[in-house]
Amino acid sequence: MEGVNDVREAVFQHFQHHFVSSFEPRPCISNSPFKYLSSLEGVELIKPFTMEEIIHTVWDCDSFNSLGADGVDVGFVKEFWDILKEDLCRFFNGVNLKSQVN
């Protein structure tokens, strides 16, 4: 290739092929079999956790599972449940309330 016009045309052709819009059919969800929640079911998703729900969840976990990188396991939470239960309840419901605002 020689000359400015030849180089210009080659560059133009190269990028023209890369930036051409093409139509590709995309999936449509309007006919999907997703189930919808009623208003009452939606309200159930944002209600505060009860102490019974939290107790059931904690005691359903294996005591040797760690809650995080700090190494505190579920057994620790179970052992000190009487001390931690109110803080845990406030924590879980605080997270729940923050997700409602966002």
PDB file of N, CA and C in Angstrom:
ATOM      1  N   MET A   1       0.849  -1.163   0.000  1.00  0.00           N
ATOM      2  CA  MET A   1       0.000   0.000   0.000  1.00  0.00           C
ATOM      3  C   MET A   1       0.897   1.229   0.000  1.00  0.00           C
ATOM      4  N   GLU A   2       0.552   2.131  -0.856  1.00  0.00           N
ATOM      5  CA  GLU A   2       1.349   3.344  -0.920  1.00  0.00           C
ATOM      6  C   GLU A   2       0.414   4.545  -0.998  1.00  0.00           C
ATOM      7  N   GLY A   3       0.835   5.599  -0.411  1.00  0.00           N
ATOM      8  CA  GLY A   3       0.104   6.843  -0.505  1.00  0.00           C
ATOM      9  C   GLY A   3      -0.903   7.021   0.621  1.00  0.00           C
ATOM     10  N   VAL A   4      -1.185   8.265   0.879  1.00  0.00           N
ATOM     11  CA  VAL A   4      -2.093   8.639   1.972  1.00  0.00           C
ATOM     12  C   VAL A   4      -3.497   8.117   1.702  1.00  0.00           C
ATOM     13  N   ASN A   5      -3.968   8.245   0.503  1.00  0.00           N
ATOM     14  CA  ASN A   5      -5.338   7.818   0.197  1.00  0.00           C
ATOM     15  C   ASN A   5      -5.526   6.316   0.372  1.00  0.00           C
ATOM     16  N   ASP A   6      -4.542   5.514  -0.031  1.00  0.00           N
ATOM     17  CA  ASP A   6      -4.645   4.063   0.133  1.00  0.00           C
ATOM     18  C   ASP A   6      -4.662   3.668   1.610  1.00  0.00           C
ATOM     19  N   VAL A   7      -3.791   4.277   2.398  1.00  0.00           N
ATOM     20  CA  VAL A   7      -3.746   3.990   3.845  1.00  0.00           C
ATOM     21  C   VAL A   7      -5.039   4.436   4.503  1.00  0.00           C
ATOM     22  N   ARG A   8      -5.501   5.617   4.148  1.00  0.00           N
ATOM     23  CA  ARG A   8      -6.746   6.144   4.711  1.00  0.00           C
ATOM     24  C   ARG A   8      -7.897   5.187   4.401  1.00  0.00           C
ATOM     25  N   GLU A   9      -7.990   4.709   3.187  1.00  0.00           N
ATOM     26  CA  GLU A   9      -9.065   3.793   2.793  1.00  0.00           C
ATOM     27  C   GLU A   9      -8.957   2.461   3.535  1.00  0.00           C
ATOM     28  N   ALA A  10      -7.746   1.951   3.697  1.00  0.00           N
ATOM     29  CA  ALA A  10      -7.557   0.689   4.416  1.00  0.00           C
ATOM     30  C   ALA A  10      -7.963   0.823   5.879  1.00  0.00           C
ATOM     31  N   VAL A  11      -7.593   1.918   6.513  1.00  0.00           N
ATOM     32  CA  VAL A  11      -7.973   2.153   7.920  1.00  0.00           C
ATOM     33  C   VAL A  11      -9.474   2.313   8.028  1.00  0.00           C
ATOM     34  N   PHE A  12     -10.057   3.059   7.117  1.00  0.00           N
ATOM     35  CA  PHE A  12     -11.504   3.271   7.127  1.00  0.00           C
ATOM     36  C   PHE A  12     -12.236   1.941   6.981  1.00  0.00           C
ATOM     37  N   GLN A  13     -11.826   1.099   6.047  1.00  0.00           N
ATOM     38  CA  GLN A  13     -12.469  -0.195   5.823  1.00  0.00           C
ATOM     39  C   GLN A  13     -12.320  -1.100   7.069  1.00  0.00           C
ATOM     40  N   HIS A  14     -11.151  -1.065   7.668  1.00  0.00           N
ATOM     41  CA  HIS A  14     -10.912  -1.891   8.856  1.00  0.00           C
ATOM     42  C   HIS A  14     -11.893  -1.542   9.973  1.00  0.00           C
ATOM     43  N   PHE A  15     -11.982  -0.255  10.295  1.00  0.00           N
ATOM     44  CA  PHE A  15     -12.840   0.146  11.405  1.00  0.00           C
ATOM     45  C   PHE A  15     -14.312   0.129  11.029  1.00  0.00           C
ATOM     46  N   GLN A  16     -14.627   0.290   9.764  1.00  0.00           N
ATOM     47  CA  GLN A  16     -16.026   0.241   9.347  1.00  0.00           C
ATOM     48  C   GLN A  16     -16.603  -1.145   9.638  1.00  0.00           C
ATOM     49  N   HIS A  17     -15.840  -2.191   9.457  1.00  0.00           N
ATOM     50  CA  HIS A  17     -16.322  -3.550   9.709  1.00  0.00           C
ATOM     51  C   HIS A  17     -16.453  -3.838  11.205  1.00  0.00           C
ATOM     52  N   HIS A  18     -15.677  -3.170  12.033  1.00  0.00           N
ATOM     53  CA  HIS A  18     -15.740  -3.400  13.474  1.00  0.00           C
ATOM     54  C   HIS A  18     -16.892  -2.664  14.145  1.00  0.00           C
ATOM     55  N   PHE A  19     -17.329  -1.570  13.576  1.00  0.00           N
ATOM     56  CA  PHE A  19     -18.338  -0.748  14.241  1.00  0.00           C
ATOM     57  C   PHE A  19     -19.661  -0.724  13.485  1.00  0.00           C
ATOM     58  N   VAL A  20     -19.966  -1.774  12.789  1.00  0.00           N
ATOM     59  CA  VAL A  20     -21.243  -1.886  12.088  1.00  0.00           C
ATOM     60  C   VAL A  20     -22.249  -2.459  13.070  1.00  0.00           C
ATOM     61  N   SER A  21     -23.396  -1.833  13.170  1.00  0.00           N
ATOM     62  CA  SER A  21     -24.419  -2.374  14.059  1.00  0.00           C
ATOM     63  C   SER A  21     -25.120  -3.522  13.347  1.00  0.00           C
ATOM     64  N   SER A  22     -25.337  -4.563  14.093  1.00  0.00           N
ATOM     65  CA  SER A  22     -26.025  -5.715  13.528  1.00  0.00           C
ATOM     66  C   SER A  22     -27.198  -6.073  14.430  1.00  0.00           C
ATOM     67  N   PHE A  23     -28.247  -6.550  13.821  1.00  0.00           N
ATOM     68  CA  PHE A  23     -29.428  -6.928  14.584  1.00  0.00           C
ATOM     69  C   PHE A  23     -29.348  -8.408  14.902  1.00  0.00           C
ATOM     70  N   GLU A  24     -29.400  -8.703  16.171  1.00  0.00           N
ATOM     71  CA  GLU A  24     -29.457 -10.085  16.605  1.00  0.00           C
ATOM     72  C   GLU A  24     -30.679 -10.225  17.483  1.00  0.00           C
ATOM     73  N   PRO A  25     -31.514 -11.202  17.207  1.00  0.00           N
ATOM     74  CA  PRO A  25     -32.723 -11.362  18.033  1.00  0.00           C
ATOM     75  C   PRO A  25     -32.351 -11.662  19.479  1.00  0.00           C
ATOM     76  N   ARG A  26     -33.003 -10.952  20.374  1.00  0.00           N
ATOM     77  CA  ARG A  26     -32.740 -11.138  21.801  1.00  0.00           C
ATOM     78  C   ARG A  26     -33.913 -11.874  22.429  1.00  0.00           C
ATOM     79  N   PRO A  27     -33.644 -12.643  23.456  1.00  0.00           N
ATOM     80  CA  PRO A  27     -34.757 -13.352  24.109  1.00  0.00           C
ATOM     81  C   PRO A  27     -35.741 -12.368  24.720  1.00  0.00           C
ATOM     82  N   CYS A  28     -36.974 -12.732  24.710  1.00  0.00           N
ATOM     83  CA  CYS A  28     -38.034 -11.882  25.254  1.00  0.00           C
ATOM     84  C   CYS A  28     -38.610 -12.564  26.490  1.00  0.00           C
ATOM     85  N   ILE A  29     -38.818 -11.807  27.550  1.00  0.00           N
ATOM     86  CA  ILE A  29     -39.345 -12.411  28.779  1.00  0.00           C
ATOM     87  C   ILE A  29     -40.842 -12.187  28.938  1.00  0.00           C
ATOM     88  N   SER A  30     -41.463 -11.533  27.977  1.00  0.00           N
ATOM     89  CA  SER A  30     -42.885 -11.229  28.142  1.00  0.00           C
ATOM     90  C   SER A  30     -43.755 -12.482  28.184  1.00  0.00           C
ATOM     91  N   ASN A  31     -43.338 -13.552  27.546  1.00  0.00           N
ATOM     92  CA  ASN A  31     -44.108 -14.794  27.566  1.00  0.00           C
ATOM     93  C   ASN A  31     -43.484 -15.852  28.460  1.00  0.00           C
ATOM     94  N   SER A  32     -42.667 -15.423  29.384  1.00  0.00           N
ATOM     95  CA  SER A  32     -41.975 -16.368  30.252  1.00  0.00           C
ATOM     96  C   SER A  32     -42.924 -16.914  31.316  1.00  0.00           C
ATOM     97  N   PRO A  33     -42.599 -18.086  31.842  1.00  0.00           N
ATOM     98  CA  PRO A  33     -43.480 -18.708  32.840  1.00  0.00           C
ATOM     99  C   PRO A  33     -43.183 -18.260  34.274  1.00  0.00           C
ATOM    100  N   PHE A  34     -42.614 -17.045  34.449  1.00  0.00           N
ATOM    101  CA  PHE A  34     -42.308 -16.584  35.798  1.00  0.00           C
ATOM    102  C   PHE A  34     -43.594 -16.368  36.586  1.00  0.00           C
ATOM    103  N   LYS A  35     -43.535 -16.722  37.839  1.00  0.00           N
ATOM    104  CA  LYS A  35     -44.683 -16.486  38.725  1.00  0.00           C
ATOM    105  C   LYS A  35     -44.546 -15.097  39.324  1.00  0.00           C
ATOM    106  N   TYR A  36     -45.646 -14.485  39.618  1.00  0.00           N
ATOM    107  CA  TYR A  36     -45.667 -13.153  40.205  1.00  0.00           C
ATOM    108  C   TYR A  36     -46.134 -13.252  41.646  1.00  0.00           C
ATOM    109  N   LEU A  37     -45.636 -12.348  42.470  1.00  0.00           N
ATOM    110  CA  LEU A  37     -46.067 -12.279  43.860  1.00  0.00           C
ATOM    111  C   LEU A  37     -47.259 -11.353  43.982  1.00  0.00           C
ATOM    112  N   SER A  38     -48.175 -11.743  44.835  1.00  0.00           N
ATOM    113  CA  SER A  38     -49.284 -10.844  45.139  1.00  0.00           C
ATOM    114  C   SER A  38     -48.757  -9.746  46.052  1.00  0.00           C
ATOM    115  N   SER A  39     -49.540  -8.725  46.278  1.00  0.00           N
ATOM    116  CA  SER A  39     -49.140  -7.641  47.183  1.00  0.00           C
ATOM    117  C   SER A  39     -48.886  -8.168  48.588  1.00  0.00           C
ATOM    118  N   LEU A  40     -49.732  -9.085  49.031  1.00  0.00           N
ATOM    119  CA  LEU A  40     -49.572  -9.661  50.365  1.00  0.00           C
ATOM    120  C   LEU A  40     -48.268 -10.457  50.456  1.00  0.00           C
ATOM    121  N   GLU A  41     -47.950 -11.224  49.410  1.00  0.00           N
ATOM    122  CA  GLU A  41     -46.698 -11.974  49.405  1.00  0.00           C
ATOM    123  C   GLU A  41     -45.498 -11.035  49.379  1.00  0.00           C
ATOM    124  N   GLY A  42     -45.610  -9.916  48.671  1.00  0.00           N
ATOM    125  CA  GLY A  42     -44.540  -8.933  48.627  1.00  0.00           C
ATOM    126  C   GLY A  42     -44.280  -8.313  49.987  1.00  0.00           C
ATOM    127  N   VAL A  43     -45.343  -8.041  50.721  1.00  0.00           N
ATOM    128  CA  VAL A  43     -45.201  -7.473  52.069  1.00  0.00           C
ATOM    129  C   VAL A  43     -44.513  -8.472  52.991  1.00  0.00           C
ATOM    130  N   GLU A  44     -44.778  -9.754  52.802  1.00  0.00           N
ATOM    131  CA  GLU A  44     -44.145 -10.785  53.625  1.00  0.00           C
ATOM    132  C   GLU A  44     -42.630 -10.800  53.449  1.00  0.00           C
ATOM    133  N   LEU A  45     -42.147 -10.369  52.298  1.00  0.00           N
ATOM    134  CA  LEU A  45     -40.707 -10.380  52.043  1.00  0.00           C
ATOM    135  C   LEU A  45     -39.958  -9.295  52.811  1.00  0.00           C
ATOM    136  N   ILE A  46     -40.653  -8.245  53.212  1.00  0.00           N
ATOM    137  CA  ILE A  46     -39.968  -7.133  53.868  1.00  0.00           C
ATOM    138  C   ILE A  46     -40.330  -6.980  55.340  1.00  0.00           C
ATOM    139  N   LYS A  47     -41.101  -7.912  55.871  1.00  0.00           N
ATOM    140  CA  LYS A  47     -41.443  -7.816  57.294  1.00  0.00           C
ATOM    141  C   LYS A  47     -40.219  -8.143  58.142  1.00  0.00           C
ATOM    142  N   PRO A  48     -40.141  -7.619  59.353  1.00  0.00           N
ATOM    143  CA  PRO A  48     -38.995  -7.894  60.230  1.00  0.00           C
ATOM    144  C   PRO A  48     -38.894  -9.382  60.566  1.00  0.00           C
ATOM    145  N   PHE A  49     -37.648  -9.840  60.759  1.00  0.00           N
ATOM    146  CA  PHE A  49     -37.437 -11.217  61.184  1.00  0.00           C
ATOM    147  C   PHE A  49     -37.903 -11.368  62.621  1.00  0.00           C
ATOM    148  N   THR A  50     -38.503 -12.503  62.927  1.00  0.00           N
ATOM    149  CA  THR A  50     -38.883 -12.774  64.320  1.00  0.00           C
ATOM    150  C   THR A  50     -37.713 -13.458  65.021  1.00  0.00           C
ATOM    151  N   MET A  51     -37.729 -13.398  66.324  1.00  0.00           N
ATOM    152  CA  MET A  51     -36.681 -14.056  67.113  1.00  0.00           C
ATOM    153  C   MET A  51     -36.718 -15.562  66.839  1.00  0.00           C
ATOM    154  N   GLU A  52     -37.910 -16.126  66.660  1.00  0.00           N
ATOM    155  CA  GLU A  52     -38.034 -17.557  66.393  1.00  0.00           C
ATOM    156  C   GLU A  52     -37.377 -17.931  65.061  1.00  0.00           C
ATOM    157  N   GLU A  53     -37.533 -17.079  64.045  1.00  0.00           N
ATOM    158  CA  GLU A  53     -36.893 -17.343  62.751  1.00  0.00           C
ATOM    159  C   GLU A  53     -35.367 -17.323  62.882  1.00  0.00           C
ATOM    160  N   ILE A  54     -34.874 -16.372  63.637  1.00  0.00           N
ATOM    161  CA  ILE A  54     -33.424 -16.259  63.810  1.00  0.00           C
ATOM    162  C   ILE A  54     -32.891 -17.460  64.599  1.00  0.00           C
ATOM    163  N   ILE A  55     -33.590 -17.831  65.662  1.00  0.00           N
ATOM    164  CA  ILE A  55     -33.182 -18.994  66.467  1.00  0.00           C
ATOM    165  C   ILE A  55     -33.164 -20.245  65.597  1.00  0.00           C
ATOM    166  N   HIS A  56     -34.228 -20.451  64.832  1.00  0.00           N
ATOM    167  CA  HIS A  56     -34.314 -21.632  63.967  1.00  0.00           C
ATOM    168  C   HIS A  56     -33.149 -21.661  62.976  1.00  0.00           C
ATOM    169  N   THR A  57     -32.827 -20.521  62.400  1.00  0.00           N
ATOM    170  CA  THR A  57     -31.748 -20.447  61.415  1.00  0.00           C
ATOM    171  C   THR A  57     -30.389 -20.724  62.050  1.00  0.00           C
ATOM    172  N   VAL A  58     -30.144 -20.128  63.212  1.00  0.00           N
ATOM    173  CA  VAL A  58     -28.850 -20.329  63.891  1.00  0.00           C
ATOM    174  C   VAL A  58     -28.689 -21.785  64.302  1.00  0.00           C
ATOM    175  N   TRP A  59     -29.725 -22.367  64.899  1.00  0.00           N
ATOM    176  CA  TRP A  59     -29.606 -23.740  65.370  1.00  0.00           C
ATOM    177  C   TRP A  59     -29.641 -24.754  64.224  1.00  0.00           C
ATOM    178  N   ASP A  60     -30.075 -24.333  63.052  1.00  0.00           N
ATOM    179  CA  ASP A  60     -30.073 -25.204  61.887  1.00  0.00           C
ATOM    180  C   ASP A  60     -28.686 -25.290  61.245  1.00  0.00           C
ATOM    181  N   CYS A  61     -27.802 -24.349  61.579  1.00  0.00           N
ATOM    182  CA  CYS A  61     -26.442 -24.331  61.023  1.00  0.00           C
ATOM    183  C   CYS A  61     -25.527 -25.263  61.807  1.00  0.00           C
ATOM    184  N   ASP A  62     -24.548 -25.815  61.111  1.00  0.00           N
ATOM    185  CA  ASP A  62     -23.523 -26.636  61.748  1.00  0.00           C
ATOM    186  C   ASP A  62     -22.678 -25.743  62.653  1.00  0.00           C
ATOM    187  N   SER A  63     -22.432 -26.192  63.866  1.00  0.00           N
ATOM    188  CA  SER A  63     -21.702 -25.381  64.847  1.00  0.00           C
ATOM    189  C   SER A  63     -20.278 -25.058  64.427  1.00  0.00           C
ATOM    190  N   PHE A  64     -19.716 -25.829  63.509  1.00  0.00           N
ATOM    191  CA  PHE A  64     -18.327 -25.620  63.110  1.00  0.00           C
ATOM    192  C   PHE A  64     -18.200 -24.746  61.866  1.00  0.00           C
ATOM    193  N   ASN A  65     -19.308 -24.283  61.317  1.00  0.00           N
ATOM    194  CA  ASN A  65     -19.248 -23.352  60.186  1.00  0.00           C
ATOM    195  C   ASN A  65     -18.840 -21.977  60.677  1.00  0.00           C
ATOM    196  N   SER A  66     -17.949 -21.353  59.953  1.00  0.00           N
ATOM    197  CA  SER A  66     -17.480 -20.025  60.321  1.00  0.00           C
ATOM    198  C   SER A  66     -18.377 -18.971  59.679  1.00  0.00           C
ATOM    199  N   LEU A  67     -18.662 -17.912  60.408  1.00  0.00           N
ATOM    200  CA  LEU A  67     -19.497 -16.834  59.888  1.00  0.00           C
ATOM    201  C   LEU A  67     -18.727 -15.893  58.980  1.00  0.00           C
ATOM    202  N   GLY A  68     -17.422 -15.924  59.083  1.00  0.00           N
ATOM    203  CA  GLY A  68     -16.609 -15.019  58.266  1.00  0.00           C
ATOM    204  C   GLY A  68     -15.141 -15.307  58.439  1.00  0.00           C
ATOM    205  N   ALA A  69     -14.335 -14.411  57.926  1.00  0.00           N
ATOM    206  CA  ALA A  69     -12.886 -14.604  57.940  1.00  0.00           C
ATOM    207  C   ALA A  69     -12.288 -14.486  59.345  1.00  0.00           C
ATOM    208  N   ASP A  70     -13.059 -13.958  60.292  1.00  0.00           N
ATOM    209  CA  ASP A  70     -12.516 -13.775  61.642  1.00  0.00           C
ATOM    210  C   ASP A  70     -12.430 -15.087  62.423  1.00  0.00           C
ATOM    211  N   GLY A  71     -12.997 -16.175  61.898  1.00  0.00           N
ATOM    212  CA  GLY A  71     -12.900 -17.473  62.539  1.00  0.00           C
ATOM    213  C   GLY A  71     -13.948 -17.726  63.604  1.00  0.00           C
ATOM    214  N   VAL A  72     -14.833 -16.770  63.865  1.00  0.00           N
ATOM    215  CA  VAL A  72     -15.900 -16.994  64.833  1.00  0.00           C
ATOM    216  C   VAL A  72     -16.898 -17.950  64.182  1.00  0.00           C
ATOM    217  N   ASP A  73     -17.133 -19.081  64.841  1.00  0.00           N
ATOM    218  CA  ASP A  73     -18.041 -20.061  64.245  1.00  0.00           C
ATOM    219  C   ASP A  73     -19.429 -19.976  64.867  1.00  0.00           C
ATOM    220  N   VAL A  74     -20.360 -20.715  64.271  1.00  0.00           N
ATOM    221  CA  VAL A  74     -21.744 -20.694  64.737  1.00  0.00           C
ATOM    222  C   VAL A  74     -21.840 -21.262  66.147  1.00  0.00           C
ATOM    223  N   GLY A  75     -20.932 -22.181  66.488  1.00  0.00           N
ATOM    224  CA  GLY A  75     -20.915 -22.721  67.846  1.00  0.00           C
ATOM    225  C   GLY A  75     -20.719 -21.630  68.893  1.00  0.00           C
ATOM    226  N   PHE A  76     -19.906 -20.630  68.567  1.00  0.00           N
ATOM    227  CA  PHE A  76     -19.700 -19.496  69.473  1.00  0.00           C
ATOM    228  C   PHE A  76     -21.018 -18.747  69.684  1.00  0.00           C
ATOM    229  N   VAL A  77     -21.729 -18.516  68.584  1.00  0.00           N
ATOM    230  CA  VAL A  77     -23.012 -17.804  68.673  1.00  0.00           C
ATOM    231  C   VAL A  77     -23.994 -18.612  69.512  1.00  0.00           C
ATOM    232  N   LYS A  78     -24.029 -19.917  69.303  1.00  0.00           N
ATOM    233  CA  LYS A  78     -24.940 -20.771  70.089  1.00  0.00           C
ATOM    234  C   LYS A  78     -24.556 -20.755  71.574  1.00  0.00           C
ATOM    235  N   GLU A  79     -23.258 -20.825  71.842  1.00  0.00           N
ATOM    236  CA  GLU A  79     -22.786 -20.865  73.233  1.00  0.00           C
ATOM    237  C   GLU A  79     -23.136 -19.582  73.989  1.00  0.00           C
ATOM    238  N   PHE A  80     -23.050 -18.455  73.293  1.00  0.00           N
ATOM    239  CA  PHE A  80     -23.300 -17.161  73.941  1.00  0.00           C
ATOM    240  C   PHE A  80     -24.614 -16.536  73.461  1.00  0.00           C
ATOM    241  N   TRP A  81     -25.568 -17.389  73.114  1.00  0.00           N
ATOM    242  CA  TRP A  81     -26.835 -16.934  72.557  1.00  0.00           C
ATOM    243  C   TRP A  81     -27.538 -15.931  73.464  1.00  0.00           C
ATOM    244  N   ASP A  82     -27.585 -16.191  74.756  1.00  0.00           N
ATOM    245  CA  ASP A  82     -28.304 -15.295  75.675  1.00  0.00           C
ATOM    246  C   ASP A  82     -27.726 -13.880  75.653  1.00  0.00           C
ATOM    247  N   ILE A  83     -26.445 -13.770  75.432  1.00  0.00           N
ATOM    248  CA  ILE A  83     -25.795 -12.455  75.383  1.00  0.00           C
ATOM    249  C   ILE A  83     -25.969 -11.813  74.012  1.00  0.00           C
ATOM    250  N   LEU A  84     -25.918 -12.601  72.952  1.00  0.00           N
ATOM    251  CA  LEU A  84     -25.889 -12.079  71.577  1.00  0.00           C
ATOM    252  C   LEU A  84     -27.254 -11.928  70.914  1.00  0.00           C
ATOM    253  N   LYS A  85     -28.286 -12.578  71.431  1.00  0.00           N
ATOM    254  CA  LYS A  85     -29.551 -12.668  70.701  1.00  0.00           C
ATOM    255  C   LYS A  85     -30.177 -11.311  70.375  1.00  0.00           C
ATOM    256  N   GLU A  86     -30.182 -10.392  71.285  1.00  0.00           N
ATOM    257  CA  GLU A  86     -30.792  -9.074  71.022  1.00  0.00           C
ATOM    258  C   GLU A  86     -30.015  -8.308  69.962  1.00  0.00           C
ATOM    259  N   ASP A  87     -28.684  -8.353  70.044  1.00  0.00           N
ATOM    260  CA  ASP A  87     -27.854  -7.668  69.043  1.00  0.00           C
ATOM    261  C   ASP A  87     -28.039  -8.288  67.665  1.00  0.00           C
ATOM    262  N   LEU A  88     -28.096  -9.621  67.606  1.00  0.00           N
ATOM    263  CA  LEU A  88     -28.297 -10.287  66.326  1.00  0.00           C
ATOM    264  C   LEU A  88     -29.665  -9.941  65.727  1.00  0.00           C
ATOM    265  N   CYS A  89     -30.682  -9.902  66.556  1.00  0.00           N
ATOM    266  CA  CYS A  89     -32.020  -9.545  66.079  1.00  0.00           C
ATOM    267  C   CYS A  89     -32.022  -8.120  65.520  1.00  0.00           C
ATOM    268  N   ARG A  90     -31.401  -7.184  66.232  1.00  0.00           N
ATOM    269  CA  ARG A  90     -31.307  -5.803  65.735  1.00  0.00           C
ATOM    270  C   ARG A  90     -30.502  -5.737  64.444  1.00  0.00           C
ATOM    271  N   PHE A  91     -29.424  -6.521  64.380  1.00  0.00           N
ATOM    272  CA  PHE A  91     -28.586  -6.531  63.185  1.00  0.00           C
ATOM    273  C   PHE A  91     -29.389  -7.012  61.975  1.00  0.00           C
ATOM    274  N   PHE A  92     -30.027  -8.170  62.098  1.00  0.00           N
ATOM    275  CA  PHE A  92     -30.763  -8.713  60.958  1.00  0.00           C
ATOM    276  C   PHE A  92     -31.914  -7.815  60.540  1.00  0.00           C
ATOM    277  N   ASN A  93     -32.600  -7.237  61.470  1.00  0.00           N
ATOM    278  CA  ASN A  93     -33.706  -6.348  61.105  1.00  0.00           C
ATOM    279  C   ASN A  93     -33.203  -5.003  60.605  1.00  0.00           C
ATOM    280  N   GLY A  94     -32.021  -4.575  61.036  1.00  0.00           N
ATOM    281  CA  GLY A  94     -31.427  -3.364  60.482  1.00  0.00           C
ATOM    282  C   GLY A  94     -31.041  -3.557  59.037  1.00  0.00           C
ATOM    283  N   VAL A  95     -30.492  -4.724  58.707  1.00  0.00           N
ATOM    284  CA  VAL A  95     -30.161  -5.047  57.319  1.00  0.00           C
ATOM    285  C   VAL A  95     -31.432  -5.090  56.500  1.00  0.00           C
ATOM    286  N   ASN A  96     -32.465  -5.680  57.046  1.00  0.00           N
ATOM    287  CA  ASN A  96     -33.748  -5.794  56.359  1.00  0.00           C
ATOM    288  C   ASN A  96     -34.337  -4.415  56.076  1.00  0.00           C
ATOM    289  N   LEU A  97     -34.266  -3.506  57.046  1.00  0.00           N
ATOM    290  CA  LEU A  97     -34.798  -2.166  56.850  1.00  0.00           C
ATOM    291  C   LEU A  97     -33.998  -1.389  55.837  1.00  0.00           C
ATOM    292  N   LYS A  98     -32.662  -1.545  55.834  1.00  0.00           N
ATOM    293  CA  LYS A  98     -31.832  -0.834  54.872  1.00  0.00           C
ATOM    294  C   LYS A  98     -32.123  -1.291  53.459  1.00  0.00           C
ATOM    295  N   SER A  99     -32.407  -2.598  53.258  1.00  0.00           N
ATOM    296  CA  SER A  99     -32.696  -3.071  51.918  1.00  0.00           C
ATOM    297  C   SER A  99     -34.042  -2.547  51.436  1.00  0.00           C
ATOM    298  N   GLN A 100     -34.958  -2.215  52.342  1.00  0.00           N
ATOM    299  CA  GLN A 100     -36.241  -1.640  51.936  1.00  0.00           C
ATOM    300  C   GLN A 100     -36.070  -0.219  51.427  1.00  0.00           C
ATOM    301  N   VAL A 101     -35.138   0.527  52.013  1.00  0.00           N
ATOM    302  CA  VAL A 101     -34.929   1.918  51.642  1.00  0.00           C
ATOM    303  C   VAL A 101     -34.290   1.998  50.280  1.00  0.00           C
ATOM    304  N   ASN A 102     -33.325   1.106  49.974  1.00  0.00           N
ATOM    305  CA  ASN A 102     -32.605   1.133  48.690  1.00  0.00           C
ATOM    306  C   ASN A 102     -33.455   0.602  47.647  1.00  0.00           C
TER     307      ASN A 102
END
